[in-house]
PDB file of N, CA and C in Angstrom:
ATOM      1  N   MET A   1     -26.920  30.885  17.352  1.00  0.00           N
ATOM      2  CA  MET A   1     -27.028  30.067  18.539  1.00  0.00           C
ATOM      3  C   MET A   1     -25.668  29.816  19.162  1.00  0.00           C
ATOM      4  N   ASN A   2     -24.764  30.719  19.038  1.00  0.00           N
ATOM      5  CA  ASN A   2     -23.435  30.534  19.598  1.00  0.00           C
ATOM      6  C   ASN A   2     -23.389  31.202  20.965  1.00  0.00           C
ATOM      7  N   ASP A   3     -23.151  30.438  22.021  1.00  0.00           N
ATOM      8  CA  ASP A   3     -23.024  31.027  23.340  1.00  0.00           C
ATOM      9  C   ASP A   3     -21.554  31.242  23.656  1.00  0.00           C
ATOM     10  N   ALA A   4     -21.248  31.687  24.850  1.00  0.00           N
ATOM     11  CA  ALA A   4     -19.876  32.034  25.225  1.00  0.00           C
ATOM     12  C   ALA A   4     -18.935  30.842  25.156  1.00  0.00           C
ATOM     13  N   ARG A   5     -19.459  29.628  25.264  1.00  0.00           N
ATOM     14  CA  ARG A   5     -18.603  28.439  25.229  1.00  0.00           C
ATOM     15  C   ARG A   5     -18.401  27.913  23.819  1.00  0.00           C
ATOM     16  N   GLY A   6     -19.030  28.494  22.819  1.00  0.00           N
ATOM     17  CA  GLY A   6     -18.841  28.059  21.443  1.00  0.00           C
ATOM     18  C   GLY A   6     -19.744  26.912  21.033  1.00  0.00           C
ATOM     19  N   HIS A   7     -20.853  26.693  21.723  1.00  0.00           N
ATOM     20  CA  HIS A   7     -21.765  25.607  21.368  1.00  0.00           C
ATOM     21  C   HIS A   7     -22.724  26.097  20.287  1.00  0.00           C
ATOM     22  N   PHE A   8     -22.386  25.852  19.048  1.00  0.00           N
ATOM     23  CA  PHE A   8     -23.152  26.348  17.921  1.00  0.00           C
ATOM     24  C   PHE A   8     -24.504  25.679  17.798  1.00  0.00           C
ATOM     25  N   TYR A   9     -24.612  24.408  18.120  1.00  0.00           N
ATOM     26  CA  TYR A   9     -25.847  23.659  17.898  1.00  0.00           C
ATOM     27  C   TYR A   9     -26.624  23.427  19.182  1.00  0.00           C
ATOM     28  N   HIS A  10     -26.145  23.946  20.280  1.00  0.00           N
ATOM     29  CA  HIS A  10     -26.825  23.756  21.557  1.00  0.00           C
ATOM     30  C   HIS A  10     -28.216  24.376  21.468  1.00  0.00           C
ATOM     31  N   GLY A  11     -29.215  23.625  21.757  1.00  0.00           N
ATOM     32  CA  GLY A  11     -30.577  24.127  21.702  1.00  0.00           C
ATOM     33  C   GLY A  11     -31.320  23.727  20.435  1.00  0.00           C
ATOM     34  N   HIS A  12     -30.627  23.319  19.411  1.00  0.00           N
ATOM     35  CA  HIS A  12     -31.305  22.827  18.207  1.00  0.00           C
ATOM     36  C   HIS A  12     -31.779  21.406  18.460  1.00  0.00           C
ATOM     37  N   LYS A  13     -32.954  21.093  17.948  1.00  0.00           N
ATOM     38  CA  LYS A  13     -33.483  19.743  18.139  1.00  0.00           C
ATOM     39  C   LYS A  13     -32.847  18.746  17.183  1.00  0.00           C
ATOM     40  N   LYS A  14     -32.489  19.177  15.995  1.00  0.00           N
ATOM     41  CA  LYS A  14     -31.890  18.285  15.003  1.00  0.00           C
ATOM     42  C   LYS A  14     -30.374  18.407  15.048  1.00  0.00           C
ATOM     43  N   PRO A  15     -29.670  17.291  15.031  1.00  0.00           N
ATOM     44  CA  PRO A  15     -28.208  17.369  14.987  1.00  0.00           C
ATOM     45  C   PRO A  15     -27.747  17.838  13.608  1.00  0.00           C
ATOM     46  N   PRO A  16     -26.517  18.357  13.518  1.00  0.00           N
ATOM     47  CA  PRO A  16     -26.013  18.751  12.197  1.00  0.00           C
ATOM     48  C   PRO A  16     -25.877  17.533  11.292  1.00  0.00           C
ATOM     49  N   PRO A  17     -25.944  17.707   9.986  1.00  0.00           N
ATOM     50  CA  PRO A  17     -25.830  16.563   9.062  1.00  0.00           C
ATOM     51  C   PRO A  17     -24.398  16.029   9.025  1.00  0.00           C
ATOM     52  N   LEU A  18     -24.125  14.994   9.818  1.00  0.00           N
ATOM     53  CA  LEU A  18     -22.770  14.475   9.965  1.00  0.00           C
ATOM     54  C   LEU A  18     -22.183  13.941   8.670  1.00  0.00           C
ATOM     55  N   LYS A  19     -23.015  13.357   7.805  1.00  0.00           N
ATOM     56  CA  LYS A  19     -22.514  12.788   6.560  1.00  0.00           C
ATOM     57  C   LYS A  19     -21.924  13.850   5.635  1.00  0.00           C
ATOM     58  N   LYS A  20     -22.318  15.094   5.830  1.00  0.00           N
ATOM     59  CA  LYS A  20     -21.867  16.156   4.939  1.00  0.00           C
ATOM     60  C   LYS A  20     -20.628  16.874   5.448  1.00  0.00           C
ATOM     61  N   LEU A  21     -20.136  16.498   6.619  1.00  0.00           N
ATOM     62  CA  LEU A  21     -18.929  17.130   7.131  1.00  0.00           C
ATOM     63  C   LEU A  21     -17.716  16.666   6.337  1.00  0.00           C
ATOM     64  N   PRO A  22     -16.790  17.567   6.027  1.00  0.00           N
ATOM     65  CA  PRO A  22     -15.595  17.156   5.288  1.00  0.00           C
ATOM     66  C   PRO A  22     -14.653  16.366   6.192  1.00  0.00           C
ATOM     67  N   PRO A  23     -13.707  15.637   5.607  1.00  0.00           N
ATOM     68  CA  PRO A  23     -12.733  14.929   6.443  1.00  0.00           C
ATOM     69  C   PRO A  23     -11.828  15.933   7.137  1.00  0.00           C
ATOM     70  N   THR A  24     -11.178  15.507   8.200  1.00  0.00           N
ATOM     71  CA  THR A  24     -10.219  16.391   8.852  1.00  0.00           C
ATOM     72  C   THR A  24      -9.061  16.642   7.902  1.00  0.00           C
ATOM     73  N   ASP A  25      -8.351  17.733   8.117  1.00  0.00           N
ATOM     74  CA  ASP A  25      -7.219  18.056   7.248  1.00  0.00           C
ATOM     75  C   ASP A  25      -6.185  16.936   7.233  1.00  0.00           C
ATOM     76  N   ALA A  26      -5.915  16.359   8.403  1.00  0.00           N
ATOM     77  CA  ALA A  26      -4.907  15.300   8.492  1.00  0.00           C
ATOM     78  C   ALA A  26      -5.327  14.061   7.702  1.00  0.00           C
ATOM     79  N   ASN A  27      -6.594  13.659   7.823  1.00  0.00           N
ATOM     80  CA  ASN A  27      -7.066  12.492   7.071  1.00  0.00           C
ATOM     81  C   ASN A  27      -7.178  12.784   5.582  1.00  0.00           C
ATOM     82  N   LEU A  28      -7.514  14.013   5.228  1.00  0.00           N
ATOM     83  CA  LEU A  28      -7.546  14.382   3.813  1.00  0.00           C
ATOM     84  C   LEU A  28      -6.148  14.296   3.217  1.00  0.00           C
ATOM     85  N   GLN A  29      -5.140  14.744   3.955  1.00  0.00           N
ATOM     86  CA  GLN A  29      -3.767  14.670   3.460  1.00  0.00           C
ATOM     87  C   GLN A  29      -3.344  13.219   3.232  1.00  0.00           C
ATOM     88  N   LEU A  30      -3.705  12.317   4.138  1.00  0.00           N
ATOM     89  CA  LEU A  30      -3.382  10.902   3.960  1.00  0.00           C
ATOM     90  C   LEU A  30      -4.086  10.331   2.734  1.00  0.00           C
ATOM     91  N   HIS A  31      -5.325  10.725   2.519  1.00  0.00           N
ATOM     92  CA  HIS A  31      -6.076  10.261   1.342  1.00  0.00           C
ATOM     93  C   HIS A  31      -5.417  10.759   0.054  1.00  0.00           C
ATOM     94  N   VAL A  32      -4.979  12.017   0.048  1.00  0.00           N
ATOM     95  CA  VAL A  32      -4.315  12.572  -1.133  1.00  0.00           C
ATOM     96  C   VAL A  32      -3.012  11.819  -1.413  1.00  0.00           C
ATOM     97  N   LEU A  33      -2.275  11.462  -0.372  1.00  0.00           N
ATOM     98  CA  LEU A  33      -1.050  10.672  -0.558  1.00  0.00           C
ATOM     99  C   LEU A  33      -1.358   9.321  -1.202  1.00  0.00           C
ATOM    100  N   ARG A  34      -2.422   8.650  -0.725  1.00  0.00           N
ATOM    101  CA  ARG A  34      -2.792   7.353  -1.294  1.00  0.00           C
ATOM    102  C   ARG A  34      -3.239   7.500  -2.753  1.00  0.00           C
ATOM    103  N   ALA A  35      -3.968   8.572  -3.053  1.00  0.00           N
ATOM    104  CA  ALA A  35      -4.401   8.811  -4.429  1.00  0.00           C
ATOM    105  C   ALA A  35      -3.196   9.114  -5.327  1.00  0.00           C
ATOM    106  N   HIS A  36      -2.220   9.826  -4.794  1.00  0.00           N
ATOM    107  CA  HIS A  36      -1.011  10.124  -5.566  1.00  0.00           C
ATOM    108  C   HIS A  36      -0.246   8.840  -5.876  1.00  0.00           C
ATOM    109  N   LEU A  37      -0.145   7.952  -4.902  1.00  0.00           N
ATOM    110  CA  LEU A  37       0.512   6.662  -5.141  1.00  0.00           C
ATOM    111  C   LEU A  37      -0.213   5.895  -6.245  1.00  0.00           C
ATOM    112  N   GLN A  38      -1.527   5.875  -6.194  1.00  0.00           N
ATOM    113  CA  GLN A  38      -2.301   5.167  -7.222  1.00  0.00           C
ATOM    114  C   GLN A  38      -2.029   5.751  -8.595  1.00  0.00           C
ATOM    115  N   MET A  39      -1.948   7.075  -8.679  1.00  0.00           N
ATOM    116  CA  MET A  39      -1.665   7.724  -9.957  1.00  0.00           C
ATOM    117  C   MET A  39      -0.273   7.337 -10.463  1.00  0.00           C
ATOM    118  N   LEU A  40       0.723   7.295  -9.564  1.00  0.00           N
ATOM    119  CA  LEU A  40       2.069   6.885  -9.962  1.00  0.00           C
ATOM    120  C   LEU A  40       2.077   5.457 -10.507  1.00  0.00           C
ATOM    121  N   LEU A  41       1.341   4.583  -9.853  1.00  0.00           N
ATOM    122  CA  LEU A  41       1.287   3.184 -10.291  1.00  0.00           C
ATOM    123  C   LEU A  41       0.565   3.047 -11.632  1.00  0.00           C
ATOM    124  N   TRP A  42      -0.519   3.789 -11.812  1.00  0.00           N
ATOM    125  CA  TRP A  42      -1.223   3.735 -13.092  1.00  0.00           C
ATOM    126  C   TRP A  42      -0.356   4.260 -14.234  1.00  0.00           C
ATOM    127  N   LYS A  43       0.389   5.351 -13.966  1.00  0.00           N
ATOM    128  CA  LYS A  43       1.240   5.908 -15.012  1.00  0.00           C
ATOM    129  C   LYS A  43       2.344   4.936 -15.417  1.00  0.00           C
ATOM    130  N   ALA A  44       2.769   4.080 -14.491  1.00  0.00           N
ATOM    131  CA  ALA A  44       3.842   3.131 -14.769  1.00  0.00           C
ATOM    132  C   ALA A  44       3.317   1.731 -15.050  1.00  0.00           C
ATOM    133  N   ALA A  45       2.047   1.611 -15.361  1.00  0.00           N
ATOM    134  CA  ALA A  45       1.437   0.293 -15.560  1.00  0.00           C
ATOM    135  C   ALA A  45       2.063  -0.470 -16.722  1.00  0.00           C
ATOM    136  N   ASP A  46       2.618   0.234 -17.685  1.00  0.00           N
ATOM    137  CA  ASP A  46       3.233  -0.446 -18.824  1.00  0.00           C
ATOM    138  C   ASP A  46       4.726  -0.743 -18.599  1.00  0.00           C
ATOM    139  N   GLN A  47       5.224  -0.416 -17.411  1.00  0.00           N
ATOM    140  CA  GLN A  47       6.622  -0.657 -17.069  1.00  0.00           C
ATOM    141  C   GLN A  47       6.774  -1.983 -16.333  1.00  0.00           C
ATOM    142  N   ARG A  48       7.962  -2.518 -16.340  1.00  0.00           N
ATOM    143  CA  ARG A  48       8.229  -3.785 -15.655  1.00  0.00           C
ATOM    144  C   ARG A  48       8.163  -3.648 -14.136  1.00  0.00           C
ATOM    145  N   ASP A  49       8.709  -2.558 -13.601  1.00  0.00           N
ATOM    146  CA  ASP A  49       8.744  -2.315 -12.158  1.00  0.00           C
ATOM    147  C   ASP A  49       8.051  -1.001 -11.840  1.00  0.00           C
ATOM    148  N   PRO A  50       7.562  -0.871 -10.610  1.00  0.00           N
ATOM    149  CA  PRO A  50       6.968   0.416 -10.220  1.00  0.00           C
ATOM    150  C   PRO A  50       8.051   1.486 -10.117  1.00  0.00           C
ATOM    151  N   PRO A  51       7.674   2.738 -10.190  1.00  0.00           N
ATOM    152  CA  PRO A  51       8.666   3.803 -10.058  1.00  0.00           C
ATOM    153  C   PRO A  51       9.403   3.699  -8.713  1.00  0.00           C
ATOM    154  N   GLU A  52      10.633   4.134  -8.681  1.00  0.00           N
ATOM    155  CA  GLU A  52      11.458   4.054  -7.466  1.00  0.00           C
ATOM    156  C   GLU A  52      10.775   4.733  -6.282  1.00  0.00           C
ATOM    157  N   GLU A  53      10.209   5.920  -6.502  1.00  0.00           N
ATOM    158  CA  GLU A  53       9.594   6.659  -5.390  1.00  0.00           C
ATOM    159  C   GLU A  53       8.348   5.959  -4.833  1.00  0.00           C
ATOM    160  N   ALA A  54       7.735   5.078  -5.613  1.00  0.00           N
ATOM    161  CA  ALA A  54       6.508   4.420  -5.188  1.00  0.00           C
ATOM    162  C   ALA A  54       6.761   3.070  -4.519  1.00  0.00           C
ATOM    163  N   ARG A  55       8.001   2.683  -4.364  1.00  0.00           N
ATOM    164  CA  ARG A  55       8.288   1.358  -3.814  1.00  0.00           C
ATOM    165  C   ARG A  55       8.065   1.257  -2.321  1.00  0.00           C
ATOM    166  N   ASN A  56       8.161   2.345  -1.592  1.00  0.00           N
ATOM    167  CA  ASN A  56       7.886   2.332  -0.159  1.00  0.00           C
ATOM    168  C   ASN A  56       6.523   2.975   0.068  1.00  0.00           C
ATOM    169  N   ILE A  57       5.486   2.148   0.097  1.00  0.00           N
ATOM    170  CA  ILE A  57       4.129   2.693   0.201  1.00  0.00           C
ATOM    171  C   ILE A  57       3.834   3.284   1.575  1.00  0.00           C
ATOM    172  N   ALA A  58       4.685   3.030   2.550  1.00  0.00           N
ATOM    173  CA  ALA A  58       4.506   3.648   3.870  1.00  0.00           C
ATOM    174  C   ALA A  58       4.648   5.169   3.781  1.00  0.00           C
ATOM    175  N   ASN A  59       5.315   5.667   2.740  1.00  0.00           N
ATOM    176  CA  ASN A  59       5.448   7.113   2.536  1.00  0.00           C
ATOM    177  C   ASN A  59       4.194   7.717   1.918  1.00  0.00           C
ATOM    178  N   PHE A  60       3.221   6.879   1.593  1.00  0.00           N
ATOM    179  CA  PHE A  60       2.017   7.338   0.903  1.00  0.00           C
ATOM    180  C   PHE A  60       0.737   7.027   1.688  1.00  0.00           C
ATOM    181  N   GLY A  61       0.799   7.079   2.996  1.00  0.00           N
ATOM    182  CA  GLY A  61      -0.404   6.925   3.803  1.00  0.00           C
ATOM    183  C   GLY A  61      -0.854   5.500   4.052  1.00  0.00           C
ATOM    184  N   TRP A  62       0.094   4.547   4.040  1.00  0.00           N
ATOM    185  CA  TRP A  62      -0.237   3.151   4.316  1.00  0.00           C
ATOM    186  C   TRP A  62       0.581   2.658   5.500  1.00  0.00           C
ATOM    187  N   ASN A  63       0.009   1.775   6.302  1.00  0.00           N
ATOM    188  CA  ASN A  63       0.720   1.096   7.390  1.00  0.00           C
ATOM    189  C   ASN A  63       1.020  -0.330   6.946  1.00  0.00           C
ATOM    190  N   ILE A  64       2.237  -0.780   7.212  1.00  0.00           N
ATOM    191  CA  ILE A  64       2.634  -2.144   6.875  1.00  0.00           C
ATOM    192  C   ILE A  64       3.027  -2.844   8.167  1.00  0.00           C
ATOM    193  N   GLU A  65       2.269  -3.858   8.524  1.00  0.00           N
ATOM    194  CA  GLU A  65       2.547  -4.652   9.731  1.00  0.00           C
ATOM    195  C   GLU A  65       2.605  -6.109   9.310  1.00  0.00           C
ATOM    196  N   GLY A  66       3.823  -6.623   9.153  1.00  0.00           N
ATOM    197  CA  GLY A  66       3.980  -7.988   8.655  1.00  0.00           C
ATOM    198  C   GLY A  66       3.521  -8.048   7.214  1.00  0.00           C
ATOM    199  N   SER A  67       2.541  -8.893   6.939  1.00  0.00           N
ATOM    200  CA  SER A  67       1.998  -8.984   5.580  1.00  0.00           C
ATOM    201  C   SER A  67       0.702  -8.191   5.436  1.00  0.00           C
ATOM    202  N   ALA A  68       0.268  -7.529   6.506  1.00  0.00           N
ATOM    203  CA  ALA A  68      -0.971  -6.748   6.463  1.00  0.00           C
ATOM    204  C   ALA A  68      -0.675  -5.298   6.079  1.00  0.00           C
ATOM    205  N   ILE A  69      -1.410  -4.802   5.115  1.00  0.00           N
ATOM    206  CA  ILE A  69      -1.285  -3.418   4.669  1.00  0.00           C
ATOM    207  C   ILE A  69      -2.636  -2.753   4.896  1.00  0.00           C
ATOM    208  N   THR A  70      -2.630  -1.678   5.676  1.00  0.00           N
ATOM    209  CA  THR A  70      -3.868  -0.971   5.998  1.00  0.00           C
ATOM    210  C   THR A  70      -3.675   0.524   5.793  1.00  0.00           C
ATOM    211  N   PRO A  71      -4.750   1.240   5.476  1.00  0.00           N
ATOM    212  CA  PRO A  71      -4.631   2.699   5.340  1.00  0.00           C
ATOM    213  C   PRO A  71      -4.270   3.324   6.685  1.00  0.00           C
ATOM    214  N   ALA A  72      -3.383   4.296   6.662  1.00  0.00           N
ATOM    215  CA  ALA A  72      -3.041   5.035   7.876  1.00  0.00           C
ATOM    216  C   ALA A  72      -4.212   5.941   8.230  1.00  0.00           C
ATOM    217  N   VAL A  73      -4.442   6.110   9.522  1.00  0.00           N
ATOM    218  CA  VAL A  73      -5.507   6.979  10.004  1.00  0.00           C
ATOM    219  C   VAL A  73      -4.870   7.992  10.948  1.00  0.00           C
ATOM    220  N   SER A  74      -5.261   9.218  10.802  1.00  0.00           N
ATOM    221  CA  SER A  74      -4.702  10.277  11.629  1.00  0.00           C
ATOM    222  C   SER A  74      -5.115  10.121  13.086  1.00  0.00           C
ATOM    223  N   THR A  75      -4.250  10.546  13.968  1.00  0.00           N
ATOM    224  CA  THR A  75      -4.571  10.548  15.401  1.00  0.00           C
ATOM    225  C   THR A  75      -5.035  11.922  15.859  1.00  0.00           C
ATOM    226  N   ALA A  76      -5.182  12.856  14.927  1.00  0.00           N
ATOM    227  CA  ALA A  76      -5.673  14.195  15.253  1.00  0.00           C
ATOM    228  C   ALA A  76      -7.136  14.109  15.685  1.00  0.00           C
ATOM    229  N   PRO A  77      -7.625  15.083  16.438  1.00  0.00           N
ATOM    230  CA  PRO A  77      -9.038  15.072  16.835  1.00  0.00           C
ATOM    231  C   PRO A  77      -9.959  14.963  15.623  1.00  0.00           C
ATOM    232  N   VAL A  78     -11.069  14.232  15.788  1.00  0.00           N
ATOM    233  CA  VAL A  78     -11.978  14.002  14.663  1.00  0.00           C
ATOM    234  C   VAL A  78     -12.808  15.217  14.311  1.00  0.00           C
ATOM    235  N   ALA A  79     -12.947  16.153  15.248  1.00  0.00           N
ATOM    236  CA  ALA A  79     -13.739  17.353  15.019  1.00  0.00           C
ATOM    237  C   ALA A  79     -13.404  18.371  16.100  1.00  0.00           C
ATOM    238  N   PRO A  80     -13.743  19.630  15.877  1.00  0.00           N
ATOM    239  CA  PRO A  80     -13.555  20.625  16.937  1.00  0.00           C
ATOM    240  C   PRO A  80     -14.370  20.245  18.173  1.00  0.00           C
ATOM    241  N   GLN A  81     -13.880  20.601  19.345  1.00  0.00           N
ATOM    242  CA  GLN A  81     -14.544  20.225  20.593  1.00  0.00           C
ATOM    243  C   GLN A  81     -15.981  20.733  20.667  1.00  0.00           C
ATOM    244  N   ALA A  82     -16.255  21.912  20.102  1.00  0.00           N
ATOM    245  CA  ALA A  82     -17.622  22.449  20.125  1.00  0.00           C
ATOM    246  C   ALA A  82     -18.581  21.521  19.397  1.00  0.00           C
ATOM    247  N   LEU A  83     -18.154  20.924  18.293  1.00  0.00           N
ATOM    248  CA  LEU A  83     -19.004  19.996  17.565  1.00  0.00           C
ATOM    249  C   LEU A  83     -19.149  18.688  18.324  1.00  0.00           C
ATOM    250  N   LEU A  84     -18.064  18.215  18.930  1.00  0.00           N
ATOM    251  CA  LEU A  84     -18.145  16.982  19.715  1.00  0.00           C
ATOM    252  C   LEU A  84     -19.076  17.149  20.910  1.00  0.00           C
ATOM    253  N   ASP A  85     -19.132  18.357  21.473  1.00  0.00           N
ATOM    254  CA  ASP A  85     -20.039  18.624  22.588  1.00  0.00           C
ATOM    255  C   ASP A  85     -21.491  18.597  22.137  1.00  0.00           C
ATOM    256  N   ALA A  86     -21.746  19.007  20.890  1.00  0.00           N
ATOM    257  CA  ALA A  86     -23.120  19.081  20.393  1.00  0.00           C
ATOM    258  C   ALA A  86     -23.627  17.743  19.888  1.00  0.00           C
ATOM    259  N   VAL A  87     -22.758  16.913  19.365  1.00  0.00           N
ATOM    260  CA  VAL A  87     -23.153  15.626  18.800  1.00  0.00           C
ATOM    261  C   VAL A  87     -22.506  14.539  19.629  1.00  0.00           C
ATOM    262  N   SER A  88     -23.321  13.785  20.320  1.00  0.00           N
ATOM    263  CA  SER A  88     -22.767  12.713  21.134  1.00  0.00           C
ATOM    264  C   SER A  88     -23.653  11.489  21.045  1.00  0.00           C
ATOM    265  N   CYS A  89     -23.046  10.366  21.253  1.00  0.00           N
ATOM    266  CA  CYS A  89     -23.748   9.100  21.200  1.00  0.00           C
ATOM    267  C   CYS A  89     -24.168   8.727  22.619  1.00  0.00           C
ATOM    268  N   SER A  90     -25.441   8.466  22.829  1.00  0.00           N
ATOM    269  CA  SER A  90     -25.948   8.139  24.157  1.00  0.00           C
ATOM    270  C   SER A  90     -26.044   6.646  24.391  1.00  0.00           C
ATOM    271  N   CYS A  91     -25.589   5.850  23.460  1.00  0.00           N
ATOM    272  CA  CYS A  91     -25.742   4.410  23.589  1.00  0.00           C
ATOM    273  C   CYS A  91     -24.587   3.811  24.387  1.00  0.00           C
ATOM    274  N   THR A  92     -24.690   2.534  24.683  1.00  0.00           N
ATOM    275  CA  THR A  92     -23.645   1.846  25.436  1.00  0.00           C
ATOM    276  C   THR A  92     -22.997   0.739  24.621  1.00  0.00           C
ATOM    277  N   ALA A  93     -23.372   0.594  23.354  1.00  0.00           N
ATOM    278  CA  ALA A  93     -22.791  -0.441  22.504  1.00  0.00           C
ATOM    279  C   ALA A  93     -21.444   0.047  21.990  1.00  0.00           C
ATOM    280  N   GLU A  94     -20.369  -0.472  22.556  1.00  0.00           N
ATOM    281  CA  GLU A  94     -19.040  -0.029  22.157  1.00  0.00           C
ATOM    282  C   GLU A  94     -18.621  -0.714  20.866  1.00  0.00           C
ATOM    283  N   CYS A  95     -18.221   0.087  19.881  1.00  0.00           N
ATOM    284  CA  CYS A  95     -17.710  -0.386  18.589  1.00  0.00           C
ATOM    285  C   CYS A  95     -18.713  -1.244  17.819  1.00  0.00           C
ATOM    286  N   LYS A  96     -19.985  -1.055  18.061  1.00  0.00           N
ATOM    287  CA  LYS A  96     -21.011  -1.789  17.326  1.00  0.00           C
ATOM    288  C   LYS A  96     -22.038  -0.788  16.812  1.00  0.00           C
ATOM    289  N   ALA A  97     -22.689  -1.145  15.745  1.00  0.00           N
ATOM    290  CA  ALA A  97     -23.752  -0.280  15.233  1.00  0.00           C
ATOM    291  C   ALA A  97     -24.909  -0.263  16.224  1.00  0.00           C
ATOM    292  N   CYS A  98     -25.401   0.903  16.529  1.00  0.00           N
ATOM    293  CA  CYS A  98     -26.496   1.033  17.496  1.00  0.00           C
ATOM    294  C   CYS A  98     -27.837   0.938  16.789  1.00  0.00           C
ATOM    295  N   SER A  99     -28.842   0.602  17.545  1.00  0.00           N
ATOM    296  CA  SER A  99     -30.175   0.553  16.965  1.00  0.00           C
ATOM    297  C   SER A  99     -31.150   1.439  17.729  1.00  0.00           C
ATOM    298  N   GLY A 100     -30.696   2.027  18.818  1.00  0.00           N
ATOM    299  CA  GLY A 100     -31.575   2.861  19.622  1.00  0.00           C
ATOM    300  C   GLY A 100     -31.831   4.218  18.990  1.00  0.00           C
ATOM    301  N   THR A 101     -32.967   4.806  19.313  1.00  0.00           N
ATOM    302  CA  THR A 101     -33.308   6.108  18.758  1.00  0.00           C
ATOM    303  C   THR A 101     -32.558   7.236  19.461  1.00  0.00           C
ATOM    304  N   ARG A 102     -31.992   6.977  20.637  1.00  0.00           N
ATOM    305  CA  ARG A 102     -31.228   8.001  21.353  1.00  0.00           C
ATOM    306  C   ARG A 102     -29.841   8.194  20.750  1.00  0.00           C
ATOM    307  N   CYS A 103     -29.418   7.312  19.908  1.00  0.00           N
ATOM    308  CA  CYS A 103     -28.076   7.359  19.334  1.00  0.00           C
ATOM    309  C   CYS A 103     -28.053   8.317  18.138  1.00  0.00           C
ATOM    310  N   SER A 104     -27.299   9.430  18.265  1.00  0.00           N
ATOM    311  CA  SER A 104     -27.228  10.382  17.155  1.00  0.00           C
ATOM    312  C   SER A 104     -26.507   9.788  15.960  1.00  0.00           C
ATOM    313  N   CYS A 105     -25.618   8.833  16.193  1.00  0.00           N
ATOM    314  CA  CYS A 105     -24.929   8.167  15.077  1.00  0.00           C
ATOM    315  C   CYS A 105     -25.935   7.380  14.242  1.00  0.00           C
ATOM    316  N   ASN A 106     -26.760   6.579  14.913  1.00  0.00           N
ATOM    317  CA  ASN A 106     -27.749   5.761  14.226  1.00  0.00           C
ATOM    318  C   ASN A 106     -28.772   6.620  13.492  1.00  0.00           C
ATOM    319  N   SER A 107     -29.182   7.708  14.108  1.00  0.00           N
ATOM    320  CA  SER A 107     -30.212   8.540  13.481  1.00  0.00           C
ATOM    321  C   SER A 107     -29.704   9.224  12.215  1.00  0.00           C
ATOM    322  N   THR A 108     -28.389   9.350  12.062  1.00  0.00           N
ATOM    323  CA  THR A 108     -27.832   9.928  10.844  1.00  0.00           C
ATOM    324  C   THR A 108     -27.276   8.875   9.901  1.00  0.00           C
ATOM    325  N   GLY A 109     -27.463   7.601  10.246  1.00  0.00           N
ATOM    326  CA  GLY A 109     -27.046   6.518   9.370  1.00  0.00           C
ATOM    327  C   GLY A 109     -25.564   6.186   9.447  1.00  0.00           C
ATOM    328  N   LEU A 110     -24.920   6.506  10.569  1.00  0.00           N
ATOM    329  CA  LEU A 110     -23.489   6.250  10.734  1.00  0.00           C
ATOM    330  C   LEU A 110     -23.259   5.206  11.805  1.00  0.00           C
ATOM    331  N   SER A 111     -22.105   4.535  11.758  1.00  0.00           N
ATOM    332  CA  SER A 111     -21.695   3.658  12.844  1.00  0.00           C
ATOM    333  C   SER A 111     -21.192   4.508  13.996  1.00  0.00           C
ATOM    334  N   CYS A 112     -21.287   4.009  15.192  1.00  0.00           N
ATOM    335  CA  CYS A 112     -20.832   4.773  16.354  1.00  0.00           C
ATOM    336  C   CYS A 112     -19.313   4.922  16.312  1.00  0.00           C
ATOM    337  N   THR A 113     -18.855   6.150  16.502  1.00  0.00           N
ATOM    338  CA  THR A 113     -17.435   6.463  16.515  1.00  0.00           C
ATOM    339  C   THR A 113     -17.175   7.418  17.664  1.00  0.00           C
ATOM    340  N   ASP A 114     -15.909   7.801  17.821  1.00  0.00           N
ATOM    341  CA  ASP A 114     -15.573   8.820  18.827  1.00  0.00           C
ATOM    342  C   ASP A 114     -16.325  10.102  18.551  1.00  0.00           C
TER     343      ASP A 114
END
């Protein structure tokens, strides 16, 4: 079902299973950095101080803003444009979970995202 524009799912009645899509490469790399930091901390759990390389957690996929520490999120596109063209949210609820049946996010059990 691939046409000249690269729309792989165009014409299918069911959307692709979004929950089974892997993370983007950029977000996977950030997750691996956070997991590596956790491993370093666990290995040094019997030590008085954390390892020197683990002291700046911003190098391991974390954002530090004042006293708030949050996981870094990639700004890379969330999916190839062909997939974004095939799966779209038709609702108008911005940043809220949708309840309408027209919402492809809701029908796959996901919160509405880009």
